[in-house]
């Protein structure tokens, strides 16, 4: 089990924005996720993230990059506000969305299957 305190992370927004399809909503802010050959259960309560079915090594080598946790999204948002204050509404709407670092082939196949549903 991994526990994180992570700002600018909203698991509901990340998974339900349409960039991935290999997840199952268990309950509000609790999801099962499959990526490549890995499976986790992730729960969020405010900034507290709990990831089950993984260990430190797998988290560092796979999930940390998958969820793009090394990127400072607050810094990006601050730069966007300077360039265009009008973007604040869009940022507020999608706050917490992170760009998932998915396997390209898996992502392509998921999108093709999704479009054919």
C-alpha atoms as a PDB file:
ATOM      1  CA  UNK A   1       0.000   0.000   0.000  1.00  0.00           C
ATOM      2  CA  UNK A   2       1.235   3.482  -0.910  1.00  0.00           C
ATOM      3  CA  UNK A   3      -0.027   6.676   0.716  1.00  0.00           C
ATOM      4  CA  UNK A   4       0.613  10.083  -0.828  1.00  0.00           C
ATOM      5  CA  UNK A   5      -0.269  13.655  -0.107  1.00  0.00           C
ATOM      6  CA  UNK A   6      -0.655  15.086  -3.607  1.00  0.00           C
ATOM      7  CA  UNK A   7      -1.851  18.526  -4.698  1.00  0.00           C
ATOM      8  CA  UNK A   8      -3.473  19.092  -8.100  1.00  0.00           C
ATOM      9  CA  UNK A   9      -4.623  15.486  -8.302  1.00  0.00           C
ATOM     10  CA  UNK A  10      -8.256  14.476  -8.661  1.00  0.00           C
ATOM     11  CA  UNK A  11      -8.672  10.803  -9.475  1.00  0.00           C
ATOM     12  CA  UNK A  12     -12.285  11.267 -10.604  1.00  0.00           C
ATOM     13  CA  UNK A  13     -11.326  14.024 -13.062  1.00  0.00           C
ATOM     14  CA  UNK A  14      -8.268  12.091 -14.287  1.00  0.00           C
ATOM     15  CA  UNK A  15     -10.135   8.868 -15.025  1.00  0.00           C
ATOM     16  CA  UNK A  16     -13.490  10.236 -16.138  1.00  0.00           C
ATOM     17  CA  UNK A  17     -12.190  12.908 -18.547  1.00  0.00           C
ATOM     18  CA  UNK A  18     -11.934  10.396 -21.402  1.00  0.00           C
ATOM     19  CA  UNK A  19      -8.207   9.785 -21.654  1.00  0.00           C
ATOM     20  CA  UNK A  20      -8.383   6.195 -20.393  1.00  0.00           C
ATOM     21  CA  UNK A  21     -10.954   3.428 -20.352  1.00  0.00           C
ATOM     22  CA  UNK A  22      -9.369   0.619 -18.341  1.00  0.00           C
ATOM     23  CA  UNK A  23     -10.825   1.464 -14.966  1.00  0.00           C
ATOM     24  CA  UNK A  24     -13.830   0.567 -12.875  1.00  0.00           C
ATOM     25  CA  UNK A  25     -15.482   2.962 -10.465  1.00  0.00           C
ATOM     26  CA  UNK A  26     -15.939   1.139  -7.159  1.00  0.00           C
ATOM     27  CA  UNK A  27     -17.443   4.095  -5.306  1.00  0.00           C
ATOM     28  CA  UNK A  28     -17.057   7.865  -5.227  1.00  0.00           C
ATOM     29  CA  UNK A  29     -13.291   8.560  -5.453  1.00  0.00           C
ATOM     30  CA  UNK A  30     -12.401   4.840  -5.365  1.00  0.00           C
ATOM     31  CA  UNK A  31     -11.342   3.087  -8.569  1.00  0.00           C
ATOM     32  CA  UNK A  32      -9.751  -0.091  -9.869  1.00  0.00           C
ATOM     33  CA  UNK A  33      -7.240   0.655 -12.629  1.00  0.00           C
ATOM     34  CA  UNK A  34      -5.488  -1.616 -15.109  1.00  0.00           C
ATOM     35  CA  UNK A  35      -2.476  -0.374 -17.051  1.00  0.00           C
ATOM     36  CA  UNK A  36      -0.206  -2.676 -19.035  1.00  0.00           C
ATOM     37  CA  UNK A  37      -0.053  -5.825 -16.896  1.00  0.00           C
ATOM     38  CA  UNK A  38      -0.618  -3.997 -13.599  1.00  0.00           C
ATOM     39  CA  UNK A  39      -3.676  -3.567 -11.404  1.00  0.00           C
ATOM     40  CA  UNK A  40      -4.271  -1.142  -8.541  1.00  0.00           C
ATOM     41  CA  UNK A  41      -7.099   0.127  -6.418  1.00  0.00           C
ATOM     42  CA  UNK A  42      -6.849   3.859  -5.727  1.00  0.00           C
ATOM     43  CA  UNK A  43      -8.805   5.946  -3.244  1.00  0.00           C
ATOM     44  CA  UNK A  44      -8.699   9.678  -2.695  1.00  0.00           C
ATOM     45  CA  UNK A  45      -9.844  11.770   0.254  1.00  0.00           C
ATOM     46  CA  UNK A  46      -8.986  15.419  -0.375  1.00  0.00           C
ATOM     47  CA  UNK A  47      -5.204  15.436  -1.051  1.00  0.00           C
ATOM     48  CA  UNK A  48      -4.650  11.985   0.500  1.00  0.00           C
ATOM     49  CA  UNK A  49      -4.184   9.225  -2.077  1.00  0.00           C
ATOM     50  CA  UNK A  50      -4.085   5.540  -1.110  1.00  0.00           C
ATOM     51  CA  UNK A  51      -2.937   3.012  -3.685  1.00  0.00           C
ATOM     52  CA  UNK A  52      -3.488  -0.669  -2.944  1.00  0.00           C
ATOM     53  CA  UNK A  53      -2.049  -3.697  -4.777  1.00  0.00           C
ATOM     54  CA  UNK A  54       1.377  -2.178  -5.376  1.00  0.00           C
ATOM     55  CA  UNK A  55       4.667  -1.772  -3.559  1.00  0.00           C
ATOM     56  CA  UNK A  56       7.297   0.983  -3.391  1.00  0.00           C
ATOM     57  CA  UNK A  57       9.342  -0.419  -6.268  1.00  0.00           C
ATOM     58  CA  UNK A  58       6.413  -0.792  -8.662  1.00  0.00           C
ATOM     59  CA  UNK A  59       5.087   2.626  -7.644  1.00  0.00           C
ATOM     60  CA  UNK A  60       8.437   4.328  -8.371  1.00  0.00           C
ATOM     61  CA  UNK A  61       9.063   2.409 -11.584  1.00  0.00           C
ATOM     62  CA  UNK A  62       5.568   2.570 -13.077  1.00  0.00           C
ATOM     63  CA  UNK A  63       2.704   4.364 -11.328  1.00  0.00           C
ATOM     64  CA  UNK A  64       4.596   7.555 -10.453  1.00  0.00           C
ATOM     65  CA  UNK A  65       5.281   8.162 -14.130  1.00  0.00           C
ATOM     66  CA  UNK A  66       1.845   6.885 -15.208  1.00  0.00           C
ATOM     67  CA  UNK A  67       0.135   9.560 -13.083  1.00  0.00           C
ATOM     68  CA  UNK A  68       2.754  12.185 -14.066  1.00  0.00           C
ATOM     69  CA  UNK A  69       3.544  12.903 -10.422  1.00  0.00           C
ATOM     70  CA  UNK A  70       6.913  14.514 -11.167  1.00  0.00           C
ATOM     71  CA  UNK A  71       5.267  17.403 -13.018  1.00  0.00           C
ATOM     72  CA  UNK A  72       4.455  20.534 -11.029  1.00  0.00           C
ATOM     73  CA  UNK A  73       0.970  21.350 -12.286  1.00  0.00           C
ATOM     74  CA  UNK A  74       0.695  24.397  -9.995  1.00  0.00           C
ATOM     75  CA  UNK A  75       3.672  25.937 -11.776  1.00  0.00           C
ATOM     76  CA  UNK A  76       2.072  25.264 -15.169  1.00  0.00           C
ATOM     77  CA  UNK A  77      -1.228  26.816 -14.048  1.00  0.00           C
ATOM     78  CA  UNK A  78       0.585  29.904 -12.753  1.00  0.00           C
ATOM     79  CA  UNK A  79       2.283  30.358 -16.148  1.00  0.00           C
ATOM     80  CA  UNK A  80      -1.029  29.935 -17.971  1.00  0.00           C
ATOM     81  CA  UNK A  81      -2.700  32.592 -15.786  1.00  0.00           C
ATOM     82  CA  UNK A  82       0.014  35.091 -16.793  1.00  0.00           C
ATOM     83  CA  UNK A  83      -0.366  34.301 -20.497  1.00  0.00           C
ATOM     84  CA  UNK A  84      -4.171  34.324 -20.468  1.00  0.00           C
ATOM     85  CA  UNK A  85      -6.206  35.263 -17.393  1.00  0.00           C
ATOM     86  CA  UNK A  86      -9.325  34.112 -19.273  1.00  0.00           C
ATOM     87  CA  UNK A  87      -8.149  30.507 -18.983  1.00  0.00           C
ATOM     88  CA  UNK A  88      -8.912  30.506 -15.251  1.00  0.00           C
ATOM     89  CA  UNK A  89     -12.443  29.195 -15.853  1.00  0.00           C
ATOM     90  CA  UNK A  90     -11.141  26.178 -17.795  1.00  0.00           C
ATOM     91  CA  UNK A  91      -8.443  25.486 -15.222  1.00  0.00           C
ATOM     92  CA  UNK A  92     -10.943  25.704 -12.371  1.00  0.00           C
ATOM     93  CA  UNK A  93     -13.271  23.312 -14.209  1.00  0.00           C
ATOM     94  CA  UNK A  94     -10.566  20.690 -14.806  1.00  0.00           C
ATOM     95  CA  UNK A  95      -8.451  21.162 -11.697  1.00  0.00           C
ATOM     96  CA  UNK A  96      -6.745  17.953 -10.705  1.00  0.00           C
ATOM     97  CA  UNK A  97      -6.593  16.411 -14.180  1.00  0.00           C
ATOM     98  CA  UNK A  98      -3.172  14.989 -14.975  1.00  0.00           C
ATOM     99  CA  UNK A  99      -1.990  13.754 -18.329  1.00  0.00           C
ATOM    100  CA  UNK A 100      -1.626  10.001 -17.986  1.00  0.00           C
ATOM    101  CA  UNK A 101       1.596   8.531 -19.372  1.00  0.00           C
ATOM    102  CA  UNK A 102      -0.008   5.526 -21.009  1.00  0.00           C
ATOM    103  CA  UNK A 103       1.546   2.859 -23.171  1.00  0.00           C
ATOM    104  CA  UNK A 104       0.993   4.165 -26.742  1.00  0.00           C
ATOM    105  CA  UNK A 105      -0.242   0.862 -28.188  1.00  0.00           C
ATOM    106  CA  UNK A 106      -2.591   0.225 -25.267  1.00  0.00           C
ATOM    107  CA  UNK A 107      -3.929   3.776 -25.539  1.00  0.00           C
ATOM    108  CA  UNK A 108      -4.520   3.470 -29.299  1.00  0.00           C
ATOM    109  CA  UNK A 109      -6.359   0.152 -29.003  1.00  0.00           C
ATOM    110  CA  UNK A 110      -8.477   1.451 -26.087  1.00  0.00           C
ATOM    111  CA  UNK A 111      -9.558   4.494 -28.096  1.00  0.00           C
ATOM    112  CA  UNK A 112     -10.378   2.423 -31.182  1.00  0.00           C
ATOM    113  CA  UNK A 113     -12.485  -0.010 -29.136  1.00  0.00           C
ATOM    114  CA  UNK A 114     -14.166   2.886 -27.325  1.00  0.00           C
ATOM    115  CA  UNK A 115     -15.187   4.509 -30.606  1.00  0.00           C
ATOM    116  CA  UNK A 116     -16.721   1.266 -31.823  1.00  0.00           C
ATOM    117  CA  UNK A 117     -18.919   0.692 -28.770  1.00  0.00           C
END
